[in-house]
């Protein structure tokens, strides 16, 4: 009884800890967290769809660590990174002599992950031949090594992910319809960074802390001007791109605050197509008041009442300053 209570306590602590690894307060990411928490308690197949760099594997890891399989293996493989024969060997294993170079018997990821979770990233890149073998494992709960004549029972939770439209691939006969329905039991969509722009500040500061510690540098924060520029960028590479850019900026930074000059030129350009008033970077050093006002407006989604409170001025004063700086929008 005590061991069960201890296991439950550990699981509860993991629940709290793991949800904190998915950073953000925006509605889109909160919806993801709700899905993660809901599905982790069940033992069904999960399908994660989202653009490259949106954190699909992080979501898969959270589901695993919040599930009853948390103390068993979590293994991952990118289905688009290997040829069909190599992927088959990695997933299902092979017997000695089953193909040229197979000098010894090897277990596959399904056997290695027995009792735990197997994350199949970029499943949309999987060949039809491998799809047939995967469907058999999902239906029968058995895996057969390449070259073997018998199968072995496995107990594995499968989580799949893709950046592609699988339904479209089904129509184009590039993905099996029966497999699509088998993996599409519960779906989670990871939002783009542009869709969750309200989380950029929080994510950027979190990455800064990570890299400042890693590089043994004293960089305390990111300036309002730099945050403003980060929020105006379109982020085609999503969270992965933001992480890389913060790492680079931390390396280049020569003070204790990240400034716009620490970021690559491409980030300074507004490629998002937004119609918000533009920030003239040439004017920045001469007009810090304008920068401060824009930064506060951006932080408060251009709500003048909240921005005025943030800037410690009346709403009327803020309106006058916005008019003077040509910041009023129709």
Protein backbone atom coordinates (compact mmCIF):
# COMPACT_ATOMS: atom_id res chain seq x y z
CA UNK A 1 0.00 0.00 0.00
CA UNK A 2 2.82 2.41 0.91
CA UNK A 3 4.61 1.78 -2.38
CA UNK A 4 1.39 2.54 -4.28
CA UNK A 5 0.92 5.77 -2.33
CA UNK A 6 4.53 6.76 -3.02
CA UNK A 7 4.10 6.05 -6.74
CA UNK A 8 0.92 8.16 -6.77
CA UNK A 9 2.70 11.02 -4.99
CA UNK A 10 5.57 10.90 -7.49
CA UNK A 11 3.07 10.88 -10.33
CA UNK A 12 1.29 13.95 -8.92
CA UNK A 13 4.59 15.81 -8.66
CA UNK A 14 5.41 14.87 -12.24
CA UNK A 15 2.01 16.15 -13.35
CA UNK A 16 2.76 19.58 -11.93
CA UNK A 17 6.34 19.63 -13.16
CA UNK A 18 5.72 18.37 -16.69
CA UNK A 19 2.98 20.87 -17.53
CA UNK A 20 5.44 23.65 -16.62
CA UNK A 21 7.82 22.51 -19.37
CA UNK A 22 5.26 23.65 -21.96
CA UNK A 23 5.64 27.39 -21.48
CA UNK A 24 2.92 29.92 -22.24
CA UNK A 25 -0.26 31.62 -21.04
CA UNK A 26 -1.95 32.23 -24.40
CA UNK A 27 -5.30 30.61 -25.22
CA UNK A 28 -3.86 28.40 -28.02
CA UNK A 29 -1.22 26.84 -25.78
CA UNK A 30 -3.65 26.48 -22.86
CA UNK A 31 -5.87 24.48 -25.22
CA UNK A 32 -2.89 22.21 -25.96
CA UNK A 33 -2.24 21.76 -22.23
CA UNK A 34 -5.88 20.82 -21.65
CA UNK A 35 -5.60 18.19 -24.37
CA UNK A 36 -2.32 16.85 -22.94
CA UNK A 37 -3.76 16.50 -19.45
CA UNK A 38 -6.99 14.91 -20.71
CA UNK A 39 -5.38 12.31 -22.99
CA UNK A 40 -2.44 11.41 -20.74
CA UNK A 41 -4.74 9.55 -18.35
CA UNK A 42 -6.07 7.36 -21.17
CA UNK A 43 -4.01 4.80 -23.06
CA UNK A 44 -5.07 5.55 -26.61
CA UNK A 45 -3.11 6.51 -29.73
CA UNK A 46 -2.46 10.27 -30.05
CA UNK A 47 -2.03 12.26 -33.26
CA UNK A 48 -0.18 15.61 -33.06
CA UNK A 49 -0.38 17.98 -36.03
CA UNK A 50 1.60 21.19 -36.29
CA UNK A 51 4.17 23.13 -38.27
CA UNK A 52 7.88 22.38 -37.95
CA UNK A 53 9.37 23.84 -34.76
CA UNK A 54 6.11 24.11 -32.80
CA UNK A 55 7.13 21.62 -30.09
CA UNK A 56 5.36 18.41 -31.13
CA UNK A 57 7.91 16.13 -29.44
CA UNK A 58 7.72 18.20 -26.24
CA UNK A 59 3.96 17.60 -26.20
CA UNK A 60 4.50 13.87 -26.77
CA UNK A 61 7.01 13.73 -23.90
CA UNK A 62 4.56 15.52 -21.60
CA UNK A 63 1.80 13.03 -22.45
CA UNK A 64 4.16 10.14 -21.66
CA UNK A 65 5.42 11.58 -18.38
CA UNK A 66 1.89 12.36 -17.19
CA UNK A 67 0.66 8.86 -18.08
CA UNK A 68 0.84 5.62 -16.09
CA UNK A 69 3.73 4.63 -18.37
CA UNK A 70 5.90 7.47 -16.98
CA UNK A 71 8.52 5.11 -15.51
CA UNK A 72 8.88 3.12 -18.75
CA UNK A 73 10.84 4.07 -21.92
CA UNK A 74 9.94 7.00 -24.17
CA UNK A 75 11.57 6.43 -27.56
CA UNK A 76 11.34 8.67 -30.62
CA UNK A 77 12.15 8.34 -34.31
CA UNK A 78 11.83 10.67 -37.30
CA UNK A 79 10.13 8.62 -40.02
CA UNK A 80 11.29 11.00 -42.73
CA UNK A 81 14.99 10.70 -41.89
CA UNK A 82 15.49 7.07 -42.97
CA UNK A 83 14.92 4.96 -46.08
CA UNK A 84 12.07 2.43 -46.02
CA UNK A 85 14.34 -0.56 -45.32
CA UNK A 86 16.25 1.21 -42.54
CA UNK A 87 13.05 2.50 -40.93
CA UNK A 88 11.54 -1.01 -41.00
CA UNK A 89 14.66 -2.38 -39.32
CA UNK A 90 14.64 0.38 -36.69
CA UNK A 91 10.95 -0.03 -35.88
CA UNK A 92 10.48 -3.79 -36.03
CA UNK A 93 14.00 -5.21 -35.63
CA UNK A 94 15.59 -7.92 -37.79
CA UNK A 95 16.96 -11.44 -37.63
CA UNK A 96 20.53 -12.41 -38.46
CA UNK A 97 21.00 -12.63 -42.23
CA UNK A 98 17.61 -11.07 -43.04
CA UNK A 99 19.37 -8.60 -45.34
CA UNK A 100 22.89 -7.73 -46.48
CA UNK A 101 24.83 -6.44 -43.49
CA UNK A 102 22.52 -8.00 -40.88
CA UNK A 103 25.34 -9.83 -39.09
CA UNK A 104 23.41 -10.24 -35.86
CA UNK A 105 19.85 -10.20 -34.57
CA UNK A 106 18.49 -6.85 -33.39
CA UNK A 107 15.33 -5.78 -31.60
CA UNK A 108 13.37 -2.82 -32.94
CA UNK A 109 11.97 0.24 -31.20
CA UNK A 110 8.60 -1.42 -30.58
CA UNK A 111 10.28 -4.11 -28.47
CA UNK A 112 12.66 -1.63 -26.84
CA UNK A 113 9.73 0.61 -25.86
CA UNK A 114 7.66 -2.28 -24.45
CA UNK A 115 5.53 -0.95 -21.61
CA UNK A 116 6.30 2.63 -22.59
CA UNK A 117 5.68 5.07 -25.43
CA UNK A 118 6.94 5.21 -29.01
CA UNK A 119 6.83 8.62 -30.72
CA UNK A 120 6.69 8.44 -34.53
CA UNK A 121 7.56 11.91 -35.78
CA UNK A 122 6.78 12.94 -39.37
CA UNK A 123 4.59 9.90 -39.98
CA UNK A 124 3.39 11.57 -43.19
CA UNK A 125 6.75 10.70 -44.76
CA UNK A 126 6.34 6.96 -44.08
CA UNK A 127 6.17 4.68 -47.14
CA UNK A 128 3.03 2.65 -47.89
CA UNK A 129 4.98 -0.57 -47.23
CA UNK A 130 5.96 0.52 -43.72
CA UNK A 131 2.43 1.82 -43.12
CA UNK A 132 1.08 -1.71 -43.71
CA UNK A 133 3.50 -3.16 -41.12
CA UNK A 134 2.67 -0.40 -38.61
CA UNK A 135 -1.07 -0.95 -39.03
CA UNK A 136 -0.58 -4.65 -38.25
CA UNK A 137 1.23 -3.82 -35.00
CA UNK A 138 -1.46 -1.34 -33.97
CA UNK A 139 -4.27 -3.79 -34.73
CA UNK A 140 -2.76 -6.97 -33.29
CA UNK A 141 -0.38 -5.65 -30.63
CA UNK A 142 2.31 -7.89 -32.10
CA UNK A 143 5.58 -7.13 -33.86
CA UNK A 144 7.46 -9.36 -36.29
CA UNK A 145 11.16 -8.82 -36.97
CA UNK A 146 12.34 -8.62 -40.56
CA UNK A 147 13.16 -12.17 -41.64
CA UNK A 148 11.25 -13.77 -38.73
CA UNK A 149 8.39 -16.26 -39.05
CA UNK A 150 6.83 -15.59 -35.64
CA UNK A 151 5.53 -12.47 -33.91
CA UNK A 152 5.99 -11.17 -30.38
CA UNK A 153 3.41 -9.42 -28.21
CA UNK A 154 4.26 -5.81 -27.34
CA UNK A 155 2.52 -3.29 -25.11
CA UNK A 156 3.39 0.14 -26.50
CA UNK A 157 1.53 3.41 -26.63
CA UNK A 158 2.02 5.07 -30.00
CA UNK A 159 2.05 8.85 -30.46
CA UNK A 160 2.37 10.12 -34.02
CA UNK A 161 3.12 13.60 -35.34
CA UNK A 162 3.32 15.39 -38.67
CA UNK A 163 3.53 18.86 -40.19
CA UNK A 164 1.61 17.64 -43.23
CA UNK A 165 -2.13 17.38 -43.99
CA UNK A 166 -2.60 13.60 -43.68
CA UNK A 167 -6.23 13.75 -44.85
CA UNK A 168 -4.99 15.27 -48.10
CA UNK A 169 -2.34 12.53 -48.42
CA UNK A 170 -5.13 9.94 -48.04
CA UNK A 171 -7.02 11.52 -50.95
CA UNK A 172 -3.79 11.47 -52.99
CA UNK A 173 -3.31 7.75 -52.16
CA UNK A 174 -0.03 8.53 -50.37
CA UNK A 175 -1.31 7.47 -46.95
CA UNK A 176 -3.51 4.50 -46.07
CA UNK A 177 -7.03 5.47 -45.02
CA UNK A 178 -7.31 2.60 -42.52
CA UNK A 179 -4.07 3.67 -40.82
CA UNK A 180 -5.23 7.30 -40.77
CA UNK A 181 -8.35 6.36 -38.80
CA UNK A 182 -6.32 4.08 -36.54
CA UNK A 183 -3.89 6.87 -35.51
CA UNK A 184 -6.46 9.69 -35.55
CA UNK A 185 -8.26 8.64 -32.35
CA UNK A 186 -7.34 11.81 -30.42
CA UNK A 187 -5.78 14.81 -32.14
CA UNK A 188 -3.82 17.75 -30.72
CA UNK A 189 -2.78 20.69 -32.87
CA UNK A 190 0.34 22.64 -31.86
CA UNK A 191 -0.11 26.34 -32.73
CA UNK A 192 2.46 28.39 -34.63
CA UNK A 193 4.44 30.99 -32.68
CA UNK A 194 2.63 33.70 -34.66
CA UNK A 195 -0.70 32.34 -33.36
CA UNK A 196 0.60 32.50 -29.79
CA UNK A 197 2.57 35.75 -30.05
CA UNK A 198 1.52 36.64 -26.51
CA UNK A 199 3.94 33.93 -25.30
CA UNK A 200 6.99 35.30 -27.14
CA UNK A 201 8.19 37.44 -24.20
CA UNK A 202 7.86 34.55 -21.73
CA UNK A 203 9.54 32.05 -24.07
CA UNK A 204 12.36 34.44 -24.96
CA UNK A 205 13.12 35.20 -21.30
CA UNK A 206 13.08 31.48 -20.49
CA UNK A 207 15.54 30.73 -23.31
CA UNK A 208 17.71 33.66 -22.18
CA UNK A 209 17.99 32.22 -18.66
CA UNK A 210 18.90 28.82 -20.10
CA UNK A 211 21.63 30.10 -22.41
CA UNK A 212 23.03 32.71 -20.02
CA UNK A 213 23.57 29.95 -17.46
CA UNK A 214 24.92 27.57 -20.11
CA UNK A 215 27.41 30.15 -21.42
CA UNK A 216 28.22 31.51 -17.95
CA UNK A 217 27.16 35.04 -18.93
CA UNK A 218 25.40 37.66 -16.84
CA UNK A 219 22.55 38.71 -19.13
CA UNK A 220 19.56 39.62 -16.97
CA UNK A 221 16.79 40.52 -19.39
CA UNK A 222 15.66 41.49 -22.88
CA UNK A 223 15.00 45.18 -23.50
CA UNK A 224 11.48 46.41 -24.35
CA UNK A 225 12.77 47.51 -27.76
CA UNK A 226 14.11 44.04 -28.51
CA UNK A 227 10.89 42.36 -27.32
CA UNK A 228 8.92 44.67 -29.60
CA UNK A 229 11.02 43.62 -32.58
CA UNK A 230 10.68 39.94 -31.69
CA UNK A 231 6.90 40.29 -31.50
CA UNK A 232 6.74 41.93 -34.92
CA UNK A 233 8.66 39.15 -36.67
CA UNK A 234 6.65 36.41 -38.44
CA UNK A 235 8.65 33.40 -37.04
CA UNK A 236 8.39 30.91 -39.92
CA UNK A 237 10.61 28.52 -37.92
CA UNK A 238 8.43 28.91 -34.81
CA UNK A 239 9.77 28.13 -31.30
CA UNK A 240 12.87 26.40 -32.64
CA UNK A 241 13.83 29.55 -34.56
CA UNK A 242 13.17 31.77 -31.52
CA UNK A 243 15.34 29.50 -29.38
CA UNK A 244 18.20 29.62 -31.90
CA UNK A 245 17.99 33.40 -32.22
CA UNK A 246 18.03 33.92 -28.44
CA UNK A 247 21.04 31.59 -28.15
CA UNK A 248 22.89 33.59 -30.83
CA UNK A 249 21.94 36.92 -29.23
CA UNK A 250 23.13 35.74 -25.81
CA UNK A 251 26.51 34.81 -27.30
CA UNK A 252 26.84 38.21 -29.02
CA UNK A 253 25.56 40.31 -26.10
CA UNK A 254 28.25 42.45 -24.45
CA UNK A 255 26.08 43.95 -21.70
CA UNK A 256 23.60 42.59 -19.16
CA UNK A 257 20.57 43.35 -21.36
CA UNK A 258 19.78 41.99 -24.84
CA UNK A 259 19.32 44.90 -27.26
CA UNK A 260 17.98 45.01 -30.86
CA UNK A 261 21.58 45.19 -32.11
CA UNK A 262 22.19 41.70 -30.68
CA UNK A 263 19.68 40.15 -33.08
CA UNK A 264 20.09 39.28 -36.80
CA UNK A 265 18.96 41.86 -39.35
CA UNK A 266 16.14 39.61 -40.66
CA UNK A 267 14.46 39.69 -37.26
CA UNK A 268 14.41 43.50 -37.30
CA UNK A 269 12.25 43.49 -40.42
CA UNK A 270 8.51 43.12 -40.01
CA UNK A 271 7.78 40.14 -42.25
CA UNK A 272 4.45 39.31 -40.65
CA UNK A 273 2.39 41.59 -42.87
CA UNK A 274 0.82 43.34 -39.88
CA UNK A 275 -0.62 46.82 -40.25
CA UNK A 276 0.43 48.11 -36.87
CA UNK A 277 2.40 51.38 -36.85
CA UNK A 278 6.00 50.70 -37.80
CA UNK A 279 8.94 51.31 -35.54
CA UNK A 280 11.70 53.22 -37.28
CA UNK A 281 14.86 51.60 -35.92
CA UNK A 282 16.89 54.61 -37.03
CA UNK A 283 14.77 56.76 -34.72
CA UNK A 284 15.09 54.45 -31.71
CA UNK A 285 18.14 56.01 -29.99
CA UNK A 286 16.75 59.56 -30.36
CA UNK A 287 13.20 58.81 -29.24
CA UNK A 288 13.12 56.31 -26.38
CA UNK A 289 9.68 57.60 -25.27
CA UNK A 290 8.07 56.42 -28.50
CA UNK A 291 9.74 53.03 -28.16
CA UNK A 292 8.53 52.69 -24.56
CA UNK A 293 4.95 53.57 -25.55
CA UNK A 294 4.92 51.11 -28.46
CA UNK A 295 6.41 48.38 -26.27
CA UNK A 296 3.69 48.90 -23.65
CA UNK A 297 0.94 48.96 -26.28
CA UNK A 298 2.30 45.74 -27.80
CA UNK A 299 2.44 44.11 -24.37
CA UNK A 300 -1.20 45.01 -23.72
CA UNK A 301 -2.50 44.11 -27.21
CA UNK A 302 -2.93 47.85 -27.97
CA UNK A 303 -5.42 48.33 -25.13
CA UNK A 304 -4.95 52.04 -24.29
CA UNK A 305 -6.41 51.77 -20.77
CA UNK A 306 -4.02 48.97 -19.75
CA UNK A 307 -1.07 50.61 -21.51
CA UNK A 308 -1.74 53.95 -19.78
CA UNK A 309 -1.80 52.21 -16.41
CA UNK A 310 1.42 50.39 -17.31
CA UNK A 311 3.08 53.69 -18.28
CA UNK A 312 1.76 55.47 -15.17
CA UNK A 313 -0.10 58.15 -17.14
CA UNK A 314 -3.72 59.02 -17.85
CA UNK A 315 -5.49 57.59 -20.90
CA UNK A 316 -5.85 61.13 -22.29
CA UNK A 317 -2.11 61.78 -21.98
CA UNK A 318 -1.37 58.49 -23.70
CA UNK A 319 -3.80 59.37 -26.52
CA UNK A 320 -2.07 62.75 -27.03
CA UNK A 321 1.36 61.11 -27.15
CA UNK A 322 0.11 58.45 -29.57
CA UNK A 323 -1.26 61.20 -31.81
CA UNK A 324 2.05 63.10 -31.66
CA UNK A 325 3.96 59.96 -32.61
CA UNK A 326 1.45 59.00 -35.35
CA UNK A 327 0.54 55.83 -33.50
CA UNK A 328 -3.24 56.13 -33.75
CA UNK A 329 -4.89 53.51 -35.93
CA UNK A 330 -8.19 53.92 -37.73
